[in-house]
N, C-alpha and C. Protein backbone atom coordinates (compact mmCIF):
# COMPACT_ATOMS: atom_id res chain seq x y z
N UNK A 1 -15.01 1.05 25.43
CA UNK A 1 -15.17 0.31 24.19
C UNK A 1 -13.88 -0.47 23.91
N UNK A 2 -14.03 -1.73 23.60
CA UNK A 2 -12.87 -2.56 23.27
C UNK A 2 -12.49 -2.36 21.82
N UNK A 3 -11.26 -2.78 21.47
CA UNK A 3 -10.82 -2.69 20.08
C UNK A 3 -11.76 -3.48 19.17
N UNK A 4 -12.20 -4.64 19.63
CA UNK A 4 -13.10 -5.48 18.82
C UNK A 4 -14.42 -4.75 18.57
N UNK A 5 -14.96 -4.10 19.59
CA UNK A 5 -16.23 -3.37 19.42
C UNK A 5 -16.07 -2.22 18.43
N UNK A 6 -14.92 -1.60 18.42
CA UNK A 6 -14.69 -0.48 17.50
C UNK A 6 -14.80 -0.92 16.05
N UNK A 7 -14.57 -2.21 15.78
CA UNK A 7 -14.62 -2.70 14.42
C UNK A 7 -15.89 -3.49 14.10
N UNK A 8 -16.84 -3.55 15.02
CA UNK A 8 -18.10 -4.25 14.75
C UNK A 8 -18.75 -3.65 13.51
N UNK A 9 -19.11 -4.49 12.56
CA UNK A 9 -19.78 -4.04 11.34
C UNK A 9 -18.85 -3.43 10.31
N UNK A 10 -17.56 -3.43 10.57
CA UNK A 10 -16.59 -2.85 9.65
C UNK A 10 -15.84 -3.98 8.96
N UNK A 11 -15.70 -3.88 7.65
CA UNK A 11 -14.92 -4.87 6.92
C UNK A 11 -13.47 -4.40 6.89
N UNK A 12 -12.58 -5.19 7.46
CA UNK A 12 -11.16 -4.87 7.50
C UNK A 12 -10.48 -5.67 6.40
N UNK A 13 -9.71 -4.99 5.56
CA UNK A 13 -9.02 -5.63 4.45
C UNK A 13 -7.52 -5.49 4.67
N UNK A 14 -6.84 -6.60 4.75
CA UNK A 14 -5.39 -6.61 4.94
C UNK A 14 -4.73 -6.55 3.56
N UNK A 15 -4.01 -5.48 3.28
CA UNK A 15 -3.36 -5.31 1.99
C UNK A 15 -1.88 -5.70 2.01
N UNK A 16 -1.44 -6.28 3.11
CA UNK A 16 -0.04 -6.68 3.17
C UNK A 16 0.21 -7.89 2.28
N UNK A 17 1.44 -8.05 1.86
CA UNK A 17 1.80 -9.28 1.17
C UNK A 17 3.11 -9.79 1.72
N UNK A 18 3.28 -11.10 1.63
CA UNK A 18 4.43 -11.76 2.24
C UNK A 18 5.73 -11.27 1.63
N UNK A 19 6.73 -11.15 2.45
CA UNK A 19 8.06 -10.77 1.98
C UNK A 19 8.73 -12.04 1.46
N UNK A 20 8.89 -12.11 0.16
CA UNK A 20 9.51 -13.26 -0.50
C UNK A 20 10.50 -12.76 -1.53
N UNK A 21 11.21 -13.68 -2.15
CA UNK A 21 12.14 -13.32 -3.23
C UNK A 21 11.38 -12.81 -4.45
N UNK A 22 10.06 -12.95 -4.45
CA UNK A 22 9.26 -12.56 -5.61
C UNK A 22 8.44 -11.29 -5.38
N UNK A 23 8.67 -10.60 -4.26
CA UNK A 23 7.94 -9.37 -3.98
C UNK A 23 8.29 -8.35 -5.07
N UNK A 24 7.32 -7.53 -5.51
CA UNK A 24 7.63 -6.52 -6.53
C UNK A 24 8.73 -5.57 -6.05
N UNK A 25 9.64 -5.24 -6.94
CA UNK A 25 10.80 -4.41 -6.61
C UNK A 25 10.86 -3.18 -7.51
N UNK A 26 11.50 -2.16 -7.01
CA UNK A 26 11.87 -1.03 -7.85
C UNK A 26 13.09 -1.49 -8.64
N UNK A 27 13.35 -0.87 -9.80
CA UNK A 27 14.45 -1.36 -10.65
C UNK A 27 15.82 -1.42 -9.97
N UNK A 28 16.06 -0.60 -8.98
CA UNK A 28 17.37 -0.54 -8.34
C UNK A 28 17.51 -1.50 -7.15
N UNK A 29 16.45 -2.21 -6.79
CA UNK A 29 16.49 -3.07 -5.61
C UNK A 29 16.92 -4.50 -5.94
N UNK A 30 17.60 -5.11 -4.96
CA UNK A 30 17.96 -6.53 -5.07
C UNK A 30 16.88 -7.35 -4.37
N UNK A 31 16.59 -8.54 -4.87
CA UNK A 31 15.58 -9.38 -4.21
C UNK A 31 16.04 -9.88 -2.84
N UNK A 32 15.06 -10.26 -2.05
CA UNK A 32 15.30 -10.84 -0.74
C UNK A 32 16.24 -12.05 -0.87
N UNK A 33 17.21 -12.12 0.05
CA UNK A 33 18.10 -13.29 0.12
C UNK A 33 17.91 -13.94 1.48
N UNK A 34 17.73 -15.27 1.49
CA UNK A 34 17.56 -15.99 2.75
C UNK A 34 18.60 -17.10 2.84
N UNK A 35 19.03 -17.38 4.07
CA UNK A 35 19.99 -18.46 4.30
C UNK A 35 19.60 -19.19 5.58
N UNK A 36 19.75 -20.48 5.57
CA UNK A 36 19.46 -21.29 6.76
C UNK A 36 20.66 -21.30 7.69
N UNK A 37 20.40 -21.06 8.96
CA UNK A 37 21.45 -21.12 9.98
C UNK A 37 21.31 -22.43 10.75
N UNK A 38 20.08 -22.73 11.18
CA UNK A 38 19.77 -24.00 11.83
C UNK A 38 18.54 -24.60 11.16
N UNK A 39 18.49 -25.92 11.15
CA UNK A 39 17.32 -26.63 10.63
C UNK A 39 16.64 -27.34 11.79
N UNK A 40 15.45 -27.85 11.55
CA UNK A 40 14.71 -28.54 12.60
C UNK A 40 15.52 -29.66 13.23
N UNK A 41 16.35 -30.30 12.41
CA UNK A 41 17.19 -31.39 12.95
C UNK A 41 18.19 -30.86 13.98
N UNK A 42 18.46 -29.55 13.95
CA UNK A 42 19.34 -28.92 14.94
C UNK A 42 18.58 -28.50 16.19
N UNK A 43 17.27 -28.67 16.17
CA UNK A 43 16.45 -28.32 17.33
C UNK A 43 15.55 -27.11 17.11
N UNK A 44 15.81 -26.33 16.08
CA UNK A 44 14.98 -25.16 15.77
C UNK A 44 15.30 -24.67 14.36
N UNK A 45 14.33 -24.06 13.74
CA UNK A 45 14.56 -23.45 12.44
C UNK A 45 14.97 -22.01 12.65
N UNK A 46 16.16 -21.65 12.20
CA UNK A 46 16.67 -20.28 12.30
C UNK A 46 17.20 -19.89 10.92
N UNK A 47 16.73 -18.76 10.43
CA UNK A 47 17.16 -18.28 9.12
C UNK A 47 17.62 -16.84 9.24
N UNK A 48 18.48 -16.44 8.34
CA UNK A 48 18.84 -15.02 8.24
C UNK A 48 18.30 -14.52 6.91
N UNK A 49 18.06 -13.22 6.86
CA UNK A 49 17.62 -12.65 5.60
C UNK A 49 18.25 -11.29 5.39
N UNK A 50 18.42 -10.95 4.11
CA UNK A 50 18.94 -9.65 3.71
C UNK A 50 17.93 -9.06 2.74
N UNK A 51 17.55 -7.82 3.01
CA UNK A 51 16.53 -7.19 2.17
C UNK A 51 16.85 -5.70 2.05
N UNK A 52 16.67 -5.15 0.87
CA UNK A 52 16.82 -3.70 0.70
C UNK A 52 15.65 -3.00 1.37
N UNK A 53 15.90 -1.83 1.86
CA UNK A 53 14.85 -1.02 2.49
C UNK A 53 13.73 -0.78 1.48
N UNK A 54 12.53 -0.70 1.96
CA UNK A 54 11.32 -0.38 1.18
C UNK A 54 10.78 -1.53 0.35
N UNK A 55 11.16 -2.75 0.66
CA UNK A 55 10.56 -3.89 -0.01
C UNK A 55 9.36 -4.36 0.80
N UNK A 56 8.39 -4.90 0.10
CA UNK A 56 7.23 -5.45 0.77
C UNK A 56 6.39 -4.37 1.42
N UNK A 57 5.48 -4.78 2.26
CA UNK A 57 4.58 -3.88 2.94
C UNK A 57 5.34 -3.19 4.07
N UNK A 58 5.31 -1.88 4.09
CA UNK A 58 6.03 -1.14 5.12
C UNK A 58 5.40 0.23 5.32
N UNK A 59 5.85 0.92 6.35
CA UNK A 59 5.37 2.26 6.67
C UNK A 59 6.54 3.22 6.56
N UNK A 60 6.35 4.32 5.86
CA UNK A 60 7.35 5.38 5.83
C UNK A 60 6.89 6.50 6.75
N UNK A 61 7.73 6.88 7.67
CA UNK A 61 7.44 8.01 8.55
C UNK A 61 7.96 9.28 7.89
N UNK A 62 7.50 10.42 8.40
CA UNK A 62 7.93 11.71 7.86
C UNK A 62 9.45 11.85 7.88
N UNK A 63 10.11 11.27 8.90
CA UNK A 63 11.57 11.38 9.01
C UNK A 63 12.29 10.76 7.82
N UNK A 64 11.61 9.89 7.10
CA UNK A 64 12.22 9.29 5.91
C UNK A 64 12.44 10.35 4.82
N UNK A 65 11.60 11.37 4.81
CA UNK A 65 11.66 12.38 3.76
C UNK A 65 12.08 13.75 4.28
N UNK A 66 11.87 14.02 5.57
CA UNK A 66 12.10 15.35 6.13
C UNK A 66 13.00 15.25 7.35
N UNK A 67 14.13 15.94 7.34
CA UNK A 67 15.03 15.95 8.49
C UNK A 67 14.28 16.50 9.70
N UNK A 68 14.33 15.76 10.80
CA UNK A 68 13.63 16.17 12.02
C UNK A 68 12.16 15.79 12.04
N UNK A 69 11.70 15.10 11.01
CA UNK A 69 10.29 14.68 10.96
C UNK A 69 10.00 13.55 11.93
N UNK A 70 8.72 13.25 12.09
CA UNK A 70 8.26 12.18 12.98
C UNK A 70 8.87 10.84 12.57
N UNK A 71 9.28 10.05 13.57
CA UNK A 71 9.86 8.73 13.30
C UNK A 71 8.80 7.66 13.49
N UNK A 72 9.03 6.49 12.92
CA UNK A 72 8.01 5.45 12.83
C UNK A 72 7.52 4.96 14.19
N UNK A 73 8.39 4.94 15.22
CA UNK A 73 7.93 4.45 16.52
C UNK A 73 6.90 5.39 17.16
N UNK A 74 6.75 6.57 16.61
CA UNK A 74 5.77 7.53 17.13
C UNK A 74 4.46 7.51 16.35
N UNK A 75 4.34 6.61 15.39
CA UNK A 75 3.10 6.47 14.63
C UNK A 75 2.22 5.46 15.37
N UNK A 76 1.09 5.91 15.87
CA UNK A 76 0.18 5.03 16.59
C UNK A 76 -0.62 4.16 15.64
N UNK A 77 -1.04 2.97 16.08
CA UNK A 77 -1.80 2.08 15.20
C UNK A 77 -3.09 2.71 14.69
N UNK A 78 -3.68 3.62 15.47
CA UNK A 78 -4.92 4.28 15.01
C UNK A 78 -4.67 5.11 13.76
N UNK A 79 -3.42 5.51 13.51
CA UNK A 79 -3.10 6.28 12.31
C UNK A 79 -2.98 5.37 11.08
N UNK A 80 -2.96 4.07 11.30
CA UNK A 80 -2.79 3.12 10.19
C UNK A 80 -4.11 2.50 9.75
N UNK A 81 -5.21 2.93 10.36
CA UNK A 81 -6.54 2.41 10.02
C UNK A 81 -7.37 3.59 9.55
N UNK A 82 -8.03 3.44 8.41
CA UNK A 82 -8.82 4.54 7.86
C UNK A 82 -9.94 3.99 6.99
N UNK A 83 -10.78 4.88 6.55
CA UNK A 83 -11.84 4.51 5.61
C UNK A 83 -11.23 4.33 4.23
N UNK A 84 -11.68 3.32 3.53
CA UNK A 84 -11.20 3.08 2.18
C UNK A 84 -12.35 3.12 1.18
N UNK A 85 -12.07 3.63 0.00
CA UNK A 85 -13.05 3.71 -1.08
C UNK A 85 -12.48 2.95 -2.28
N UNK A 86 -13.21 1.96 -2.76
CA UNK A 86 -12.74 1.14 -3.88
C UNK A 86 -13.17 1.75 -5.21
N UNK A 87 -12.19 2.15 -6.01
CA UNK A 87 -12.43 2.73 -7.33
C UNK A 87 -11.95 1.71 -8.36
N UNK A 88 -12.86 1.25 -9.19
CA UNK A 88 -12.55 0.22 -10.18
C UNK A 88 -12.03 0.88 -11.46
N UNK A 89 -10.71 0.76 -11.70
CA UNK A 89 -10.12 1.31 -12.93
C UNK A 89 -9.61 0.20 -13.84
N UNK A 90 -10.12 -1.02 -13.62
CA UNK A 90 -9.64 -2.16 -14.41
C UNK A 90 -9.84 -1.96 -15.90
N UNK A 91 -10.97 -1.41 -16.32
CA UNK A 91 -11.20 -1.26 -17.76
C UNK A 91 -10.23 -0.26 -18.37
N UNK A 92 -9.94 0.83 -17.66
CA UNK A 92 -8.98 1.82 -18.17
C UNK A 92 -7.57 1.21 -18.23
N UNK A 93 -7.19 0.44 -17.21
CA UNK A 93 -5.87 -0.19 -17.19
C UNK A 93 -5.79 -1.27 -18.27
N UNK A 94 -6.90 -1.96 -18.52
CA UNK A 94 -6.92 -2.98 -19.58
C UNK A 94 -6.64 -2.33 -20.95
N UNK A 95 -7.20 -1.14 -21.15
CA UNK A 95 -7.01 -0.43 -22.42
C UNK A 95 -5.60 0.18 -22.51
N UNK A 96 -5.03 0.55 -21.36
CA UNK A 96 -3.72 1.20 -21.32
C UNK A 96 -3.02 0.78 -20.03
N UNK A 97 -2.10 -0.17 -20.14
CA UNK A 97 -1.42 -0.70 -18.95
C UNK A 97 -0.71 0.38 -18.15
N UNK A 98 -0.36 1.49 -18.79
CA UNK A 98 0.31 2.60 -18.11
C UNK A 98 -0.67 3.66 -17.65
N UNK A 99 -1.95 3.30 -17.57
CA UNK A 99 -2.97 4.26 -17.14
C UNK A 99 -2.61 4.86 -15.79
N UNK A 100 -2.79 6.15 -15.64
CA UNK A 100 -2.48 6.84 -14.38
C UNK A 100 -3.77 7.38 -13.77
N UNK A 101 -3.98 7.08 -12.50
CA UNK A 101 -5.15 7.60 -11.77
C UNK A 101 -5.06 9.12 -11.75
N UNK A 102 -6.19 9.76 -11.97
CA UNK A 102 -6.22 11.22 -11.97
C UNK A 102 -7.33 11.71 -11.04
N UNK A 103 -7.32 13.01 -10.72
CA UNK A 103 -8.43 13.55 -9.92
C UNK A 103 -9.78 13.32 -10.60
N UNK A 104 -9.83 13.27 -11.92
CA UNK A 104 -11.09 13.01 -12.62
C UNK A 104 -11.67 11.66 -12.24
N UNK A 105 -10.81 10.65 -12.07
CA UNK A 105 -11.28 9.33 -11.64
C UNK A 105 -11.95 9.42 -10.27
N UNK A 106 -11.35 10.20 -9.38
CA UNK A 106 -11.91 10.35 -8.04
C UNK A 106 -13.24 11.10 -8.11
N UNK A 107 -13.31 12.14 -8.93
CA UNK A 107 -14.54 12.93 -9.06
C UNK A 107 -15.67 12.07 -9.62
N UNK A 108 -15.40 11.29 -10.65
CA UNK A 108 -16.43 10.40 -11.21
C UNK A 108 -16.91 9.42 -10.15
N UNK A 109 -15.97 8.86 -9.38
CA UNK A 109 -16.33 7.94 -8.32
C UNK A 109 -17.19 8.63 -7.27
N UNK A 110 -16.79 9.82 -6.84
CA UNK A 110 -17.55 10.57 -5.84
C UNK A 110 -18.99 10.81 -6.30
N UNK A 111 -19.14 11.17 -7.57
CA UNK A 111 -20.49 11.40 -8.10
C UNK A 111 -21.31 10.12 -8.10
N UNK A 112 -20.64 8.99 -8.34
CA UNK A 112 -21.37 7.71 -8.40
C UNK A 112 -21.87 7.27 -7.03
N UNK A 113 -21.16 7.66 -5.95
CA UNK A 113 -21.59 7.25 -4.60
C UNK A 113 -22.23 8.39 -3.82
N UNK A 114 -22.14 9.62 -4.36
CA UNK A 114 -22.75 10.75 -3.69
C UNK A 114 -22.04 11.22 -2.44
N UNK A 115 -20.75 10.91 -2.33
CA UNK A 115 -19.95 11.30 -1.16
C UNK A 115 -18.63 11.87 -1.64
N UNK A 116 -18.17 12.93 -0.98
CA UNK A 116 -16.86 13.50 -1.30
C UNK A 116 -15.81 12.74 -0.51
N UNK A 117 -14.81 12.22 -1.18
CA UNK A 117 -13.73 11.46 -0.54
C UNK A 117 -12.77 12.45 0.10
N UNK A 118 -12.60 12.32 1.39
CA UNK A 118 -11.66 13.18 2.10
C UNK A 118 -11.29 12.49 3.40
N UNK A 119 -10.02 12.48 3.71
CA UNK A 119 -9.57 11.92 4.97
C UNK A 119 -9.44 10.41 4.98
N UNK A 120 -9.63 9.76 3.88
CA UNK A 120 -9.46 8.30 3.81
C UNK A 120 -8.49 7.96 2.71
N UNK A 121 -8.60 6.76 2.22
CA UNK A 121 -7.77 6.34 1.09
C UNK A 121 -8.67 5.80 -0.01
N UNK A 122 -8.21 5.96 -1.22
CA UNK A 122 -8.86 5.37 -2.38
C UNK A 122 -8.05 4.13 -2.75
N UNK A 123 -8.73 3.03 -2.89
CA UNK A 123 -8.09 1.80 -3.34
C UNK A 123 -8.41 1.68 -4.83
N UNK A 124 -7.40 1.89 -5.65
CA UNK A 124 -7.57 1.82 -7.10
C UNK A 124 -7.42 0.37 -7.54
N UNK A 125 -8.53 -0.23 -7.94
CA UNK A 125 -8.54 -1.64 -8.35
C UNK A 125 -8.06 -1.72 -9.79
N UNK A 126 -6.77 -2.07 -9.95
CA UNK A 126 -6.14 -2.07 -11.27
C UNK A 126 -6.38 -3.36 -12.03
N UNK A 127 -6.54 -4.47 -11.31
CA UNK A 127 -6.66 -5.76 -11.96
C UNK A 127 -5.32 -6.32 -12.39
N UNK A 128 -4.25 -5.58 -12.18
CA UNK A 128 -2.92 -6.06 -12.57
C UNK A 128 -2.44 -7.10 -11.57
N UNK A 129 -1.73 -8.13 -12.04
CA UNK A 129 -1.25 -9.17 -11.12
C UNK A 129 -0.12 -8.71 -10.22
N UNK A 130 0.47 -7.54 -10.52
CA UNK A 130 1.56 -7.01 -9.70
C UNK A 130 1.47 -5.49 -9.73
N UNK A 131 2.06 -4.82 -8.74
CA UNK A 131 2.06 -3.36 -8.76
C UNK A 131 2.76 -2.84 -10.01
N UNK A 132 2.24 -1.76 -10.57
CA UNK A 132 2.83 -1.22 -11.79
C UNK A 132 3.79 -0.09 -11.51
N UNK A 133 3.75 0.49 -10.32
CA UNK A 133 4.56 1.64 -9.93
C UNK A 133 4.28 2.86 -10.80
N UNK A 134 3.19 2.84 -11.57
CA UNK A 134 2.92 3.99 -12.43
C UNK A 134 1.44 4.35 -12.47
N UNK A 135 0.60 3.78 -11.63
CA UNK A 135 -0.82 4.05 -11.73
C UNK A 135 -1.22 5.40 -11.16
N UNK A 136 -0.28 6.13 -10.59
CA UNK A 136 -0.58 7.46 -10.05
C UNK A 136 0.39 8.46 -10.65
N UNK A 137 -0.15 9.53 -11.19
CA UNK A 137 0.70 10.59 -11.73
C UNK A 137 1.39 11.28 -10.57
N UNK A 138 2.70 11.40 -10.64
CA UNK A 138 3.46 12.00 -9.55
C UNK A 138 3.09 13.46 -9.33
N UNK A 139 2.59 14.14 -10.35
CA UNK A 139 2.34 15.58 -10.25
C UNK A 139 0.98 15.92 -9.65
N UNK A 140 0.17 14.94 -9.27
CA UNK A 140 -1.15 15.25 -8.73
C UNK A 140 -1.00 15.73 -7.29
N UNK A 141 -1.36 16.99 -7.01
CA UNK A 141 -1.07 17.56 -5.69
C UNK A 141 -1.86 16.98 -4.52
N UNK A 142 -3.04 16.41 -4.77
CA UNK A 142 -3.88 15.94 -3.67
C UNK A 142 -3.94 14.42 -3.58
N UNK A 143 -3.14 13.73 -4.38
CA UNK A 143 -3.15 12.27 -4.38
C UNK A 143 -1.74 11.76 -4.12
N UNK A 144 -1.63 10.80 -3.20
CA UNK A 144 -0.34 10.22 -2.86
C UNK A 144 -0.50 8.71 -2.76
N UNK A 145 0.26 7.96 -3.56
CA UNK A 145 0.20 6.50 -3.48
C UNK A 145 0.91 6.07 -2.20
N UNK A 146 0.18 5.38 -1.33
CA UNK A 146 0.75 4.99 -0.04
C UNK A 146 0.98 3.49 0.08
N UNK A 147 0.46 2.70 -0.85
CA UNK A 147 0.69 1.25 -0.80
C UNK A 147 0.36 0.65 -2.15
N UNK A 148 1.02 -0.43 -2.47
CA UNK A 148 0.72 -1.16 -3.69
C UNK A 148 0.76 -2.65 -3.40
N UNK A 149 -0.19 -3.36 -3.96
CA UNK A 149 -0.25 -4.80 -3.87
C UNK A 149 -0.76 -5.31 -5.20
N UNK A 150 -0.65 -6.60 -5.45
CA UNK A 150 -1.26 -7.11 -6.66
C UNK A 150 -2.74 -6.71 -6.71
N UNK A 151 -3.19 -6.22 -7.82
CA UNK A 151 -4.58 -5.83 -8.10
C UNK A 151 -4.99 -4.46 -7.58
N UNK A 152 -4.28 -3.88 -6.63
CA UNK A 152 -4.73 -2.59 -6.08
C UNK A 152 -3.57 -1.66 -5.78
N UNK A 153 -3.84 -0.36 -5.88
CA UNK A 153 -2.97 0.69 -5.36
C UNK A 153 -3.79 1.45 -4.34
N UNK A 154 -3.21 1.83 -3.23
CA UNK A 154 -3.91 2.59 -2.20
C UNK A 154 -3.42 4.03 -2.29
N UNK A 155 -4.37 4.94 -2.46
CA UNK A 155 -4.05 6.34 -2.72
C UNK A 155 -4.66 7.21 -1.63
N UNK A 156 -3.84 8.00 -0.97
CA UNK A 156 -4.29 8.91 0.07
C UNK A 156 -4.80 10.19 -0.61
N UNK A 157 -5.99 10.62 -0.22
CA UNK A 157 -6.58 11.82 -0.78
C UNK A 157 -6.57 12.90 0.29
N UNK A 158 -5.93 14.02 -0.01
CA UNK A 158 -5.92 15.13 0.95
C UNK A 158 -6.27 16.41 0.20
N UNK A 159 -7.30 17.06 0.65
CA UNK A 159 -7.71 18.34 0.05
C UNK A 159 -8.54 19.12 1.00
């Protein structure tokens, strides 16, 4: 089976966003800085950039949090593709911009589709134009926010 055949009939959604000076930042981060080294008139466009770690779309390996943990070069691409479930929390976020996704949101969603979410990710559709960094309660033991983009947070469900 080819890689293309493996995805026949599957909708693939790219949640990455471009690394720019306007990418959402944590309060302690500095924005991306770019400088031109060569221009097209020099024969090629060459730029340098400086960016704090963890800006933009990225992958954190276990070694980032645990000494001796798995490092990113050992993460296979098959580990970066999974089933996603879209949970629409726009109305709750509209009523309370600091709304936090809870297990109850997942349970209500599961009942609505008749499937228990396990082993995939929940995409929380916030409707916000930028990541809020607060749509997931840190204390929820089975939910981990693994990505944020404008309009959505991606939450890993493990139970």
